[in-house]
Amino acid sequence: MIKQARSLADLTDTEFSGKVVLITGASGGIGEAAALEFARRQAKVIMLVRSLERGKLARDRIWEKHPAADLHLVCADISLVRSVAAFCRGFSEPHIDILVNNAGIFGAPFELTKEGVESTLAVNHLGHFVLTCMLLSKGQLSQGAKVILVTGAVYKRGNFEVSEWNSWTEESYKKMKAYSNSKLAVCLFALWLRSALRRLSSATAMVYAVHPGVVCTDIGRHVVRGCIAPCRPCLRCCMRCMMLSPRQGCKGILLRAADMETDSGKSGRYFNKCCSEPWHKPVLNSDLVTRCWDFSFELVKQALGDSDDDVLNRLKKLRELPQDTLADLEEQH
C-alpha cells in the first residue's frame, strides 16, 4: 500500500496529457477532487453534473488553482434514465479514455424518482448503467479505456435477491440496506462490463470497482440532517477529523487511471482504496451478474416506456454479448 500511495505523488504533470476524462458527480467531493487532479496533470476533463450552478462553482474553484485546466461542463440528472439517455444522444466526444462513475448518494430518506426507481439505486447504479452502456454501444470508449466504478465495501451486505431491490415501501425502507444494494449492483455491473469492454472496445480496455474509503463529502448530508440541530456542528467536525479528505479519497481512482496494466485478465478487480482485494466470493456468480443486468434493463424499459427505441435496442444488443468466465477472479481466493 505504501508503494502505491507513493506512486500517486510521483505521477508527472504529463501523465494524462492527451487523455479525455469523463467524471460524474464532479460538482463537489471526490468528483471535484479527481477533476482537479486529472486537470493538473493535463488531461481534458469533462465534468458531468446535475446542477450547472454548482458545477460552475466547482469549475471556477479548479481554475483558481490551475488557470490552464482544460475543463468542460456538461449537465445530466444521473438519477433519471431519460436525462442520461438524452445526454448520451447529444454527446459527441469521439472517445473517452477514462470514465469515472462517481456520483452517489448515501443515507437518503425513502423516495422514488419520477420514473419509479428508488433514489439511491437510481443515482448510484442505474444512471451510470445507462451512461456506460450507451458510451460503449456508440463506440465512444477508446481502445485501452479505463472505466472506474466507485463502489463501497458494504456491497458485501447487499441483498442477493436482485428482484427485491426496487420493492421498498416507505414503511419497509432501510437506508443502509438500500445503499448496500446499490453498491452491490455497481460491483455486479463491473463484472459484466469487463467482458463487454473486451469485445467492443479492445483487449486492453479495463474496468475496476474502487472503494475510495470513508470520505468526508456532501454525500453525508442526509446523515447530518437526520441529527438534531444543536449536534450538527459537532457531527460535522467529527466527520472531518475521522474521515478521509476528498483528495485522499480520489487517490485510488487516480492510481487505477494511471495503471499501465494492459492484461485484460486483470480487468474486473475490486480495490479497497489503493489496494486490490479478493472479491466477496458469493459475488463471483455468473448467473447473479446476468440477473443484475436483466433487472437493470427492465428498470430502463420502465423508465423509457416506448419513447426511446434506440436506447433499448442498443441495450438488447449488449445483452447478447457472450460473457467470460469469472474463474480467473475466483483464483484470487
Protein backbone atom coordinates (compact mmCIF):
# COMPACT_ATOMS: atom_id res chain seq x y z
CA MET A 1 0.00 0.00 0.00
CA ILE A 2 2.89 2.38 0.77
CA LYS A 3 4.34 1.76 -2.67
CA GLN A 4 1.01 2.51 -4.36
CA ALA A 5 0.41 5.60 -2.23
CA ARG A 6 3.80 6.99 -3.21
CA SER A 7 3.11 6.35 -6.89
CA LEU A 8 0.31 8.95 -6.86
CA ALA A 9 2.71 11.62 -5.66
CA ASP A 10 5.20 10.55 -8.31
CA LEU A 11 2.78 10.96 -11.24
CA THR A 12 4.27 13.51 -13.60
CA ASP A 13 2.41 16.57 -14.83
CA THR A 14 2.16 14.95 -18.27
CA GLU A 15 0.87 11.58 -17.04
CA PHE A 16 -2.61 12.18 -18.55
CA SER A 17 -1.61 14.50 -21.37
CA GLY A 18 -3.84 13.83 -24.39
CA LYS A 19 -6.33 11.80 -22.34
CA VAL A 20 -10.03 12.61 -22.19
CA VAL A 21 -11.62 12.00 -18.78
CA LEU A 22 -15.36 11.98 -18.04
CA ILE A 23 -16.30 12.23 -14.35
CA THR A 24 -19.84 12.11 -12.96
CA GLY A 25 -20.70 13.96 -9.78
CA ALA A 26 -17.91 16.43 -10.44
CA SER A 27 -19.52 19.42 -8.69
CA GLY A 28 -18.05 18.54 -5.30
CA GLY A 29 -16.42 15.93 -3.09
CA ILE A 30 -14.38 13.14 -4.66
CA GLY A 31 -15.55 14.06 -8.17
CA GLU A 32 -14.28 17.63 -7.93
CA ALA A 33 -11.03 16.50 -6.30
CA ALA A 34 -10.45 13.94 -9.06
CA ALA A 35 -11.27 16.52 -11.75
CA LEU A 36 -8.67 18.86 -10.25
CA GLU A 37 -6.00 16.14 -10.10
CA PHE A 38 -6.63 14.96 -13.68
CA ALA A 39 -6.68 18.54 -14.99
CA ARG A 40 -3.50 19.39 -13.10
CA ARG A 41 -1.88 16.52 -14.99
CA GLN A 42 -3.00 17.98 -18.33
CA ALA A 43 -5.98 15.78 -19.11
CA LYS A 44 -9.06 17.14 -20.84
CA VAL A 45 -11.71 16.78 -18.15
CA ILE A 46 -15.44 16.60 -18.85
CA MET A 47 -17.35 17.33 -15.66
CA LEU A 48 -20.82 15.78 -15.73
CA VAL A 49 -23.03 17.46 -13.13
CA ARG A 50 -26.72 17.61 -12.24
CA SER A 51 -26.68 21.30 -11.25
CA LEU A 52 -25.00 23.70 -13.65
CA GLU A 53 -24.82 26.30 -10.90
CA ARG A 54 -22.88 24.01 -8.57
CA GLY A 55 -20.84 22.73 -11.49
CA LYS A 56 -19.73 26.24 -12.44
CA LEU A 57 -18.66 26.91 -8.86
CA ALA A 58 -16.58 23.71 -8.82
CA ARG A 59 -15.07 24.52 -12.20
CA ASP A 60 -14.17 28.02 -11.00
CA ARG A 61 -12.53 26.60 -7.85
CA ILE A 62 -10.34 24.39 -10.03
CA TRP A 63 -9.49 27.25 -12.38
CA GLU A 64 -8.45 29.37 -9.39
CA LYS A 65 -5.81 26.74 -8.59
CA HIS A 66 -4.95 25.80 -12.19
CA PRO A 67 -5.95 28.53 -14.67
CA ALA A 68 -4.85 26.45 -17.66
CA ALA A 69 -7.02 23.46 -16.70
CA ASP A 70 -8.91 22.05 -19.72
CA LEU A 71 -12.39 21.72 -18.18
CA HIS A 72 -15.71 21.15 -19.92
CA LEU A 73 -19.02 21.27 -18.07
CA VAL A 74 -21.95 19.09 -19.20
CA CYS A 75 -25.29 18.52 -17.49
CA ALA A 76 -27.49 15.48 -16.87
CA ASP A 77 -29.52 14.22 -13.93
CA ILE A 78 -27.85 10.88 -13.22
CA SER A 79 -30.92 9.77 -11.23
CA LEU A 80 -33.15 9.84 -14.32
CA VAL A 81 -32.79 7.39 -17.20
CA ARG A 82 -34.43 9.83 -19.63
CA SER A 83 -31.98 12.59 -18.72
CA VAL A 84 -28.95 10.33 -19.11
CA ALA A 85 -30.29 8.96 -22.41
CA ALA A 86 -30.84 12.49 -23.74
CA PHE A 87 -27.30 13.44 -22.72
CA CYS A 88 -25.85 10.40 -24.48
CA ARG A 89 -27.76 11.14 -27.68
CA GLY A 90 -26.23 14.60 -27.88
CA PHE A 91 -22.77 13.76 -26.55
CA SER A 92 -20.36 13.91 -29.49
CA GLU A 93 -16.94 13.46 -27.87
CA PRO A 94 -15.33 10.86 -30.19
CA HIS A 95 -13.51 8.97 -27.49
CA ILE A 96 -13.31 8.74 -23.71
CA ASP A 97 -10.07 7.35 -22.31
CA ILE A 98 -11.06 7.36 -18.64
CA LEU A 99 -14.64 7.13 -17.36
CA VAL A 100 -15.17 7.68 -13.63
CA ASN A 101 -18.66 6.76 -12.45
CA ASN A 102 -18.51 8.64 -9.17
CA ALA A 103 -21.86 10.37 -8.48
CA GLY A 104 -23.67 8.93 -5.49
CA ILE A 105 -25.96 9.47 -2.51
CA PHE A 106 -25.96 7.91 0.94
CA GLY A 107 -28.45 7.78 3.79
CA ALA A 108 -31.23 9.39 1.77
CA PRO A 109 -34.82 9.09 3.03
CA PHE A 110 -37.19 6.90 1.05
CA GLU A 111 -38.01 8.42 -2.31
CA LEU A 112 -38.92 7.14 -5.75
CA THR A 113 -37.76 9.08 -8.77
CA LYS A 114 -40.47 10.23 -11.15
CA GLU A 115 -39.54 7.13 -13.18
CA GLY A 116 -40.46 4.88 -10.26
CA VAL A 117 -36.96 3.86 -9.15
CA GLU A 118 -35.74 4.01 -5.54
CA SER A 119 -33.49 7.08 -5.49
CA THR A 120 -30.30 5.52 -4.07
CA LEU A 121 -30.38 2.72 -6.64
CA ALA A 122 -31.17 5.23 -9.40
CA VAL A 123 -28.24 7.55 -8.61
CA ASN A 124 -25.60 5.06 -7.57
CA HIS A 125 -26.24 2.45 -10.23
CA LEU A 126 -28.96 2.83 -12.86
CA GLY A 127 -27.94 6.20 -14.31
CA HIS A 128 -24.35 5.01 -14.62
CA PHE A 129 -25.54 1.73 -16.14
CA VAL A 130 -27.24 3.66 -18.95
CA LEU A 131 -24.35 6.11 -19.39
CA THR A 132 -21.70 3.40 -19.63
CA CYS A 133 -23.71 1.11 -21.88
CA MET A 134 -24.50 3.96 -24.27
CA LEU A 135 -20.89 5.13 -24.47
CA LEU A 136 -19.83 1.54 -25.10
CA SER A 137 -22.51 0.91 -27.71
CA LYS A 138 -21.72 4.14 -29.57
CA GLY A 139 -18.01 3.30 -29.68
CA GLN A 140 -17.05 6.27 -27.52
CA LEU A 141 -14.92 4.30 -25.05
CA SER A 142 -11.46 4.27 -26.60
CA GLN A 143 -9.22 1.31 -27.11
CA GLY A 144 -7.46 0.78 -23.83
CA ALA A 145 -10.14 2.74 -21.96
CA LYS A 146 -10.17 2.68 -18.16
CA VAL A 147 -13.63 2.53 -16.59
CA ILE A 148 -13.64 3.15 -12.85
CA LEU A 149 -16.81 2.40 -10.92
CA VAL A 150 -16.89 3.93 -7.45
CA THR A 151 -18.44 1.44 -5.06
CA GLY A 152 -18.26 0.63 -1.34
CA ALA A 153 -17.17 -2.23 0.89
CA VAL A 154 -20.80 -2.56 2.02
CA TYR A 155 -21.57 -4.29 -1.29
CA LYS A 156 -20.98 -7.50 0.68
CA ARG A 157 -24.12 -6.78 2.72
CA GLY A 158 -26.37 -6.25 -0.28
CA ASN A 159 -29.45 -8.33 -0.96
CA PHE A 160 -28.60 -11.09 -3.42
CA GLU A 161 -32.28 -11.36 -4.34
CA VAL A 162 -31.90 -8.81 -7.13
CA SER A 163 -35.62 -8.66 -7.89
CA GLU A 164 -36.26 -7.08 -4.47
CA TRP A 165 -34.00 -4.06 -4.96
CA ASN A 166 -36.84 -1.79 -6.07
CA SER A 167 -39.57 -3.24 -3.85
CA TRP A 168 -39.30 -0.84 -0.91
CA THR A 169 -42.24 0.91 0.67
CA GLU A 170 -41.94 3.90 2.97
CA GLU A 171 -42.64 1.60 5.92
CA SER A 172 -40.15 -1.13 4.98
CA TYR A 173 -37.36 1.13 3.73
CA LYS A 174 -33.90 0.73 5.31
CA LYS A 175 -31.38 3.36 4.25
CA MET A 176 -28.23 1.31 4.79
CA LYS A 177 -29.65 -1.76 3.07
CA ALA A 178 -30.71 0.30 0.05
CA TYR A 179 -27.21 1.77 -0.12
CA SER A 180 -25.62 -1.68 0.14
CA ASN A 181 -27.89 -2.96 -2.63
CA SER A 182 -26.87 -0.10 -4.90
CA LYS A 183 -23.18 -0.77 -4.34
CA LEU A 184 -23.69 -4.49 -4.97
CA ALA A 185 -25.34 -3.54 -8.26
CA VAL A 186 -22.30 -1.42 -9.15
CA CYS A 187 -19.98 -4.37 -8.49
CA LEU A 188 -22.04 -6.84 -10.49
CA PHE A 189 -22.16 -4.37 -13.37
CA ALA A 190 -18.35 -4.10 -13.23
CA LEU A 191 -18.09 -7.88 -13.58
CA TRP A 192 -20.41 -7.81 -16.61
CA LEU A 193 -18.60 -4.86 -18.13
CA ARG A 194 -15.18 -6.49 -18.26
CA SER A 195 -16.37 -8.92 -20.95
CA ALA A 196 -18.25 -6.26 -22.90
CA LEU A 197 -15.25 -3.92 -22.95
CA ARG A 198 -13.03 -6.67 -24.22
CA ARG A 199 -15.38 -7.39 -27.10
CA LEU A 200 -16.46 -3.88 -28.10
CA SER A 201 -13.51 -1.69 -27.13
CA SER A 202 -10.26 -3.65 -27.13
CA ALA A 203 -8.39 -6.39 -25.34
CA THR A 204 -6.61 -3.72 -23.31
CA ALA A 205 -9.72 -1.92 -22.00
CA MET A 206 -10.04 -2.28 -18.25
CA VAL A 207 -12.75 -1.86 -15.64
CA TYR A 208 -12.16 -1.55 -11.90
CA ALA A 209 -14.51 -1.32 -8.94
CA VAL A 210 -12.97 1.06 -6.40
CA HIS A 211 -14.00 1.66 -2.79
CA PRO A 212 -12.46 5.08 -2.05
CA GLY A 213 -12.69 4.69 1.72
CA VAL A 214 -14.92 6.62 4.12
CA VAL A 215 -14.64 10.15 2.78
CA CYS A 216 -15.96 13.38 4.25
CA THR A 217 -18.05 14.84 1.42
CA ASP A 218 -21.52 16.23 0.88
CA ILE A 219 -22.71 12.66 0.33
CA GLY A 220 -23.20 12.52 4.11
CA ARG A 221 -25.59 15.48 4.17
CA HIS A 222 -28.62 13.28 4.83
CA VAL A 223 -26.91 11.80 7.90
CA VAL A 224 -26.17 15.29 9.24
CA ARG A 225 -29.71 16.50 8.57
CA GLY A 226 -31.07 13.50 10.44
CA CYS A 227 -29.26 14.64 13.60
CA ILE A 228 -30.87 17.14 15.95
CA ALA A 229 -29.84 20.71 15.04
CA PRO A 230 -27.64 21.52 18.09
CA CYS A 231 -25.49 18.43 17.44
CA ARG A 232 -24.88 19.01 13.74
CA PRO A 233 -21.76 21.21 14.04
CA CYS A 234 -20.15 18.65 16.35
CA LEU A 235 -21.04 15.82 13.97
CA ARG A 236 -19.56 17.70 11.02
CA CYS A 237 -16.37 18.32 12.99
CA CYS A 238 -16.08 14.63 13.91
CA MET A 239 -16.62 13.62 10.30
CA ARG A 240 -13.83 15.92 9.11
CA CYS A 241 -11.45 14.57 11.76
CA MET A 242 -12.20 10.87 11.34
CA MET A 243 -12.78 10.56 7.60
CA LEU A 244 -10.56 10.90 4.56
CA SER A 245 -10.46 14.18 2.71
CA PRO A 246 -11.83 14.24 -0.88
CA ARG A 247 -8.27 14.47 -2.22
CA GLN A 248 -7.29 11.38 -0.22
CA GLY A 249 -10.47 9.69 -1.38
CA CYS A 250 -9.70 10.18 -5.07
CA LYS A 251 -6.26 8.59 -4.72
CA GLY A 252 -7.46 5.09 -5.61
CA ILE A 253 -9.25 6.45 -8.68
CA LEU A 254 -6.14 8.20 -9.99
CA LEU A 255 -3.94 5.18 -9.37
CA ARG A 256 -6.26 2.96 -11.40
CA ALA A 257 -6.47 5.53 -14.18
CA ALA A 258 -2.66 5.72 -14.30
CA ASP A 259 -2.22 1.95 -14.11
CA MET A 260 -0.15 0.76 -17.08
CA GLU A 261 -1.64 -2.72 -16.74
CA THR A 262 -2.82 -3.98 -20.15
CA ASP A 263 -3.57 -7.60 -19.30
CA SER A 264 -7.36 -7.75 -19.68
CA GLY A 265 -7.36 -10.79 -17.43
CA LYS A 266 -6.70 -8.32 -14.61
CA SER A 267 -9.79 -6.32 -15.52
CA GLY A 268 -12.79 -6.57 -13.22
CA ARG A 269 -10.82 -6.40 -9.98
CA TYR A 270 -12.01 -4.79 -6.76
CA PHE A 271 -9.87 -2.22 -4.95
CA ASN A 272 -10.30 -1.10 -1.37
CA LYS A 273 -8.80 2.39 -1.54
CA CYS A 274 -5.42 1.78 -3.23
CA CYS A 275 -5.07 -1.98 -2.76
CA SER A 276 -6.51 -4.90 -4.67
CA GLU A 277 -8.69 -7.21 -2.58
CA PRO A 278 -10.30 -10.53 -3.44
CA TRP A 279 -13.97 -10.25 -4.27
CA HIS A 280 -16.53 -11.36 -1.70
CA LYS A 281 -16.86 -14.87 -3.09
CA PRO A 282 -20.70 -15.03 -3.46
CA VAL A 283 -20.50 -12.10 -5.91
CA LEU A 284 -18.48 -14.18 -8.38
CA ASN A 285 -21.58 -15.83 -9.77
CA SER A 286 -22.26 -15.51 -13.49
CA ASP A 287 -25.98 -16.07 -13.01
CA LEU A 288 -26.13 -13.28 -10.43
CA VAL A 289 -24.27 -10.94 -12.79
CA THR A 290 -26.77 -11.69 -15.56
CA ARG A 291 -29.76 -11.24 -13.25
CA CYS A 292 -28.45 -7.84 -12.20
CA TRP A 293 -28.07 -6.79 -15.83
CA ASP A 294 -31.57 -8.02 -16.73
CA PHE A 295 -33.09 -6.29 -13.70
CA SER A 296 -31.36 -3.04 -14.65
CA PHE A 297 -32.62 -3.34 -18.22
CA GLU A 298 -36.19 -3.82 -17.01
CA LEU A 299 -35.92 -0.65 -14.92
CA VAL A 300 -34.67 1.22 -18.00
CA LYS A 301 -37.62 -0.09 -20.00
CA GLN A 302 -39.97 1.03 -17.23
CA ALA A 303 -38.41 4.50 -17.26
CA LEU A 304 -38.40 4.99 -21.02
CA GLY A 305 -41.66 3.29 -21.96
CA ASP A 306 -41.86 3.35 -25.76
CA SER A 307 -40.16 6.73 -26.02
CA ASP A 308 -36.63 5.68 -26.92
CA ASP A 309 -36.28 2.55 -29.02
CA ASP A 310 -32.68 3.45 -29.88
CA VAL A 311 -31.51 3.11 -26.27
CA LEU A 312 -33.47 -0.10 -25.71
CA ASN A 313 -32.21 -1.66 -28.94
CA ARG A 314 -28.63 -0.79 -28.06
CA LEU A 315 -29.02 -2.39 -24.64
CA LYS A 316 -30.59 -5.51 -26.15
CA LYS A 317 -27.58 -5.95 -28.42
CA LEU A 318 -25.24 -5.61 -25.46
CA ARG A 319 -27.23 -8.26 -23.60
CA GLU A 320 -26.44 -10.70 -26.42
CA LEU A 321 -22.68 -10.40 -25.91
CA PRO A 322 -21.15 -13.63 -24.59
CA GLN A 323 -19.83 -13.39 -21.06
CA ASP A 324 -16.43 -14.59 -19.94
CA THR A 325 -15.97 -16.96 -17.07
CA LEU A 326 -15.14 -15.47 -13.68
CA ALA A 327 -12.67 -18.27 -12.96
CA ASP A 328 -9.59 -16.04 -13.04
CA LEU A 329 -11.10 -13.75 -10.40
CA GLU A 330 -12.10 -16.75 -8.32
CA GLU A 331 -8.46 -17.83 -8.27
CA GLN A 332 -7.70 -14.83 -6.05
CA HIS A 333 -9.35 -16.79 -3.25
